[in-house]
N, C-alpha and C. Protein backbone atom coordinates (compact mmCIF):
# COMPACT_ATOMS: atom_id res chain seq x y z
N UNK A 1 142.69 118.35 58.29
CA UNK A 1 142.03 118.07 56.88
C UNK A 1 140.88 119.05 56.94
N UNK A 2 140.71 119.80 55.78
CA UNK A 2 139.71 120.60 55.50
C UNK A 2 138.54 120.12 54.72
N UNK A 3 137.40 120.67 55.12
CA UNK A 3 136.06 120.19 54.49
C UNK A 3 135.69 121.04 53.28
N UNK A 4 135.36 120.25 52.37
CA UNK A 4 134.92 121.18 50.91
C UNK A 4 133.53 121.26 51.12
N UNK A 5 133.37 122.67 51.02
CA UNK A 5 131.82 123.18 50.89
C UNK A 5 131.56 124.02 49.61
N UNK A 6 130.32 124.39 49.33
CA UNK A 6 129.85 125.09 48.30
C UNK A 6 129.39 126.62 48.90
N UNK A 7 130.14 127.66 48.45
CA UNK A 7 129.83 129.09 48.95
C UNK A 7 128.82 129.65 47.96
N UNK A 8 127.97 130.35 48.13
CA UNK A 8 126.91 130.72 47.17
C UNK A 8 126.84 132.28 47.67
N UNK A 9 127.00 132.91 46.87
CA UNK A 9 127.16 134.39 47.15
C UNK A 9 125.75 135.06 46.05
N UNK A 10 124.91 135.78 46.57
CA UNK A 10 123.89 136.10 45.86
C UNK A 10 123.85 137.96 46.13
N UNK A 11 123.56 138.38 45.01
CA UNK A 11 123.59 139.89 44.81
C UNK A 11 124.82 140.64 45.49
N UNK A 12 124.64 141.53 46.32
CA UNK A 12 125.83 142.18 46.65
C UNK A 12 126.02 141.87 48.37
N UNK A 13 125.23 140.71 48.49
CA UNK A 13 125.38 140.21 49.97
C UNK A 13 126.97 139.75 50.02
N UNK A 14 127.81 140.14 51.16
CA UNK A 14 129.11 139.42 50.99
C UNK A 14 129.18 138.23 51.98
N UNK A 15 128.21 137.97 52.50
CA UNK A 15 128.09 136.68 53.23
C UNK A 15 127.60 135.72 52.42
N UNK A 16 128.27 134.53 52.49
CA UNK A 16 127.71 133.47 51.45
C UNK A 16 126.82 132.57 52.11
N UNK A 17 125.90 131.62 51.52
CA UNK A 17 125.10 130.69 52.13
C UNK A 17 125.97 129.34 51.76
N UNK A 18 126.21 128.75 52.74
CA UNK A 18 127.20 127.32 52.75
C UNK A 18 126.46 126.24 52.63
N UNK A 19 126.96 125.24 51.64
CA UNK A 19 126.00 124.01 51.19
C UNK A 19 127.29 123.02 51.39
N UNK A 20 126.78 121.92 51.75
CA UNK A 20 127.64 120.73 51.68
C UNK A 20 127.81 119.74 50.59
N UNK A 21 126.66 119.87 49.76
CA UNK A 21 126.76 119.26 48.21
C UNK A 21 126.13 120.25 47.02
N UNK A 22 126.42 119.76 45.93
CA UNK A 22 125.80 120.54 45.01
C UNK A 22 124.32 120.34 44.80
N UNK A 23 123.72 119.15 45.18
CA UNK A 23 122.26 118.94 45.16
C UNK A 23 121.50 119.72 46.06
N UNK A 24 122.18 119.91 47.33
CA UNK A 24 121.57 120.86 48.10
C UNK A 24 121.60 122.45 47.77
N UNK A 25 122.52 122.87 47.10
CA UNK A 25 122.71 124.20 46.71
C UNK A 25 121.74 124.21 45.56
N UNK A 26 121.65 123.31 44.65
CA UNK A 26 120.59 123.42 43.43
C UNK A 26 119.28 123.37 44.08
N UNK A 27 118.98 122.53 44.91
CA UNK A 27 117.41 122.71 45.60
C UNK A 27 117.24 123.71 46.08
N UNK A 28 117.99 124.60 46.82
CA UNK A 28 117.88 125.93 47.39
C UNK A 28 117.63 126.77 46.28
N UNK A 29 118.37 126.94 45.23
CA UNK A 29 118.17 127.89 44.23
C UNK A 29 116.82 127.87 43.47
N UNK A 30 116.54 126.62 43.47
CA UNK A 30 115.01 126.42 42.71
C UNK A 30 114.21 126.59 43.63
N UNK A 31 114.21 125.92 44.87
CA UNK A 31 113.08 126.52 45.81
C UNK A 31 112.80 127.71 46.30
N UNK A 32 114.00 128.35 46.83
CA UNK A 32 113.82 129.65 47.28
C UNK A 32 114.14 130.80 46.26
N UNK A 33 114.82 130.69 45.43
CA UNK A 33 115.37 131.67 44.32
C UNK A 33 114.59 131.60 43.14
N UNK A 34 113.63 130.36 43.04
CA UNK A 34 112.92 130.02 41.75
C UNK A 34 113.83 130.17 40.55
N UNK A 35 114.85 129.75 40.37
CA UNK A 35 115.51 129.47 39.09
C UNK A 35 115.18 128.63 38.24
N UNK A 36 114.92 128.71 37.09
CA UNK A 36 114.56 127.60 36.18
C UNK A 36 115.45 126.38 36.05
N UNK A 37 115.12 125.28 35.61
CA UNK A 37 115.76 124.13 35.57
C UNK A 37 116.77 124.08 34.59
N UNK A 38 116.45 124.83 33.32
CA UNK A 38 117.56 124.89 32.42
C UNK A 38 118.91 125.90 33.15
N UNK A 39 118.41 127.10 33.79
CA UNK A 39 119.53 127.88 34.27
C UNK A 39 120.42 126.96 35.31
N UNK A 40 119.53 126.02 36.37
CA UNK A 40 120.21 125.28 37.08
C UNK A 40 121.25 124.25 36.41
N UNK A 41 120.84 123.69 35.66
CA UNK A 41 121.47 122.60 34.77
C UNK A 41 122.74 123.36 34.21
N UNK A 42 122.85 124.71 33.46
CA UNK A 42 123.75 125.50 33.08
C UNK A 42 124.83 125.66 34.25
N UNK A 43 124.06 126.26 35.28
CA UNK A 43 125.08 126.70 36.43
C UNK A 43 125.98 125.43 37.03
N UNK A 44 125.27 124.35 37.21
CA UNK A 44 126.00 123.06 37.60
C UNK A 44 126.99 122.44 36.62
N UNK A 45 126.79 122.58 35.59
CA UNK A 45 127.73 122.12 34.52
C UNK A 45 128.94 122.97 34.54
N UNK A 46 128.76 124.09 34.48
CA UNK A 46 129.87 125.40 34.76
C UNK A 46 130.55 124.92 36.03
N UNK A 47 130.04 124.75 37.14
CA UNK A 47 130.58 124.62 38.37
C UNK A 47 131.64 123.14 38.13
N UNK A 48 131.04 122.21 37.88
CA UNK A 48 131.32 121.02 37.78
C UNK A 48 132.66 121.25 36.64
N UNK A 49 132.84 121.91 35.72
CA UNK A 49 133.76 122.13 34.93
C UNK A 49 135.00 123.05 35.49
N UNK A 50 134.58 124.05 35.98
CA UNK A 50 135.60 124.93 36.47
C UNK A 50 135.69 125.31 37.89
N UNK A 51 134.77 124.58 38.76
CA UNK A 51 134.90 124.71 40.14
C UNK A 51 134.43 126.12 40.59
N UNK A 52 133.71 126.61 39.66
CA UNK A 52 132.92 127.80 39.96
C UNK A 52 131.95 128.39 39.11
N UNK A 53 130.88 128.94 39.40
CA UNK A 53 129.97 129.23 38.29
C UNK A 53 129.33 130.70 38.76
N UNK A 54 128.84 131.23 37.64
CA UNK A 54 128.16 132.71 37.88
C UNK A 54 126.77 132.70 36.94
N UNK A 55 125.71 133.05 37.70
CA UNK A 55 124.72 133.25 36.67
C UNK A 55 124.10 134.84 37.09
N UNK A 56 123.82 135.45 36.14
CA UNK A 56 123.23 136.73 36.33
C UNK A 56 122.12 137.25 35.40
N UNK A 57 121.54 138.49 35.69
CA UNK A 57 120.34 138.60 35.14
C UNK A 57 120.70 138.97 33.31
N UNK A 58 120.15 138.34 32.54
CA UNK A 58 118.42 138.16 32.56
C UNK A 58 118.16 136.62 32.95
N UNK A 59 119.09 135.88 33.19
CA UNK A 59 118.83 134.51 33.37
C UNK A 59 118.13 134.21 34.99
N UNK A 60 118.61 135.53 35.78
CA UNK A 60 118.08 135.21 37.09
C UNK A 60 117.75 136.53 37.65
N UNK A 61 117.00 136.70 38.41
CA UNK A 61 116.66 138.17 39.06
C UNK A 61 117.92 138.91 39.76
N UNK A 62 118.70 138.12 40.20
CA UNK A 62 120.09 139.04 40.71
C UNK A 62 121.08 138.07 40.32
N UNK A 63 122.30 138.33 40.40
CA UNK A 63 123.56 137.57 40.23
C UNK A 63 123.73 136.77 41.31
N UNK A 64 124.26 135.48 41.07
CA UNK A 64 124.68 134.30 41.80
C UNK A 64 126.06 133.73 41.42
N UNK A 65 126.77 133.64 42.44
CA UNK A 65 128.00 133.10 42.33
C UNK A 65 128.49 131.96 43.28
N UNK A 66 128.48 130.66 42.76
CA UNK A 66 128.90 129.43 43.30
C UNK A 66 130.23 128.89 43.31
N UNK A 67 130.90 128.54 44.51
CA UNK A 67 132.25 128.13 44.41
C UNK A 67 132.50 127.19 45.33
N UNK A 68 133.43 126.17 44.71
CA UNK A 68 133.81 125.30 45.93
C UNK A 68 135.07 125.76 46.70
N UNK A 69 134.82 125.72 48.05
CA UNK A 69 135.77 126.41 49.18
C UNK A 69 136.12 125.31 50.14
N UNK A 70 136.99 125.62 50.94
CA UNK A 70 137.21 124.87 52.25
C UNK A 70 136.96 126.00 53.47
N UNK A 71 136.76 125.36 54.53
CA UNK A 71 136.37 126.27 55.67
C UNK A 71 137.86 127.14 56.04
N UNK A 72 139.00 126.57 55.96
CA UNK A 72 140.01 127.45 56.22
C UNK A 72 140.07 128.43 55.31
N UNK A 73 140.18 128.32 53.78
CA UNK A 73 140.36 129.38 52.85
C UNK A 73 139.16 130.30 53.01
N UNK A 74 137.86 129.85 53.11
CA UNK A 74 136.50 130.85 53.46
C UNK A 74 136.89 131.78 54.67
N UNK A 75 137.39 130.98 55.63
CA UNK A 75 137.62 132.08 56.78
C UNK A 75 138.55 133.30 56.60
N UNK A 76 139.78 132.75 55.59
CA UNK A 76 140.76 133.65 55.20
C UNK A 76 140.12 134.80 54.30
N UNK A 77 139.45 134.38 53.34
CA UNK A 77 139.01 135.22 52.26
C UNK A 77 137.88 136.18 52.88
N UNK A 78 137.05 135.78 54.06
CA UNK A 78 136.11 136.68 54.53
C UNK A 78 136.83 137.64 55.37
N UNK A 79 138.02 137.40 56.17
CA UNK A 79 138.93 138.10 56.82
C UNK A 79 139.49 139.10 55.99
N UNK A 80 139.93 138.69 54.70
CA UNK A 80 140.46 139.61 53.90
C UNK A 80 139.52 140.83 53.34
N UNK A 81 138.19 140.12 52.84
CA UNK A 81 137.48 140.94 52.47
C UNK A 81 136.88 141.94 53.55
N UNK A 82 136.85 141.65 54.64
CA UNK A 82 136.40 142.60 55.72
C UNK A 82 137.44 143.73 55.91
N UNK A 83 138.82 143.44 56.06
CA UNK A 83 139.70 144.48 55.90
C UNK A 83 139.61 145.43 54.82
N UNK A 84 139.44 144.65 53.57
CA UNK A 84 139.15 145.71 52.31
C UNK A 84 138.11 146.61 52.63
N UNK A 85 136.93 146.32 53.16
CA UNK A 85 135.68 147.00 53.31
C UNK A 85 135.95 148.16 54.29
N UNK A 86 136.69 147.73 55.53
CA UNK A 86 137.29 148.63 56.60
C UNK A 86 138.01 149.87 55.97
N UNK A 87 138.91 149.44 55.25
CA UNK A 87 139.77 150.39 54.43
C UNK A 87 138.97 151.35 53.67
N UNK A 88 137.92 150.94 52.91
CA UNK A 88 137.26 151.66 51.85
C UNK A 88 136.27 152.66 52.69
N UNK A 89 135.55 151.95 53.57
CA UNK A 89 134.87 152.97 54.45
C UNK A 89 135.36 153.96 55.11
N UNK A 90 136.85 153.72 55.71
CA UNK A 90 137.67 154.71 56.43
C UNK A 90 138.27 155.89 55.15
N UNK A 91 138.37 155.35 53.90
CA UNK A 91 138.72 156.26 52.97
C UNK A 91 137.55 157.03 52.53
N UNK A 92 136.35 156.70 52.31
CA UNK A 92 135.29 157.38 52.00
C UNK A 92 134.87 158.52 53.19
N UNK A 93 135.12 158.16 54.44
CA UNK A 93 134.83 159.14 55.48
C UNK A 93 135.81 160.34 55.55
N UNK A 94 137.30 160.05 55.22
CA UNK A 94 138.15 161.02 55.23
C UNK A 94 138.87 161.30 54.10
């Protein structure tokens, strides 16, 4: 059985912050990222409707992407992303 989490990607950081509830993710965005309440409400509605949501400038100072995930899928996604980055770096060098 897998655990359902919320992964928050911010800006160009490839490593998400993980939250166990929508309330905790929104509290983080409000407190530390200082997103206004109307942006948070819109973000939450998109997430609940589609399972993922994105907010970007000018609504926020940087882009944020919040998606429901599970631990197994997240580990696979991170491994695939790491492999792509390694390939891109190797191509850039040679």
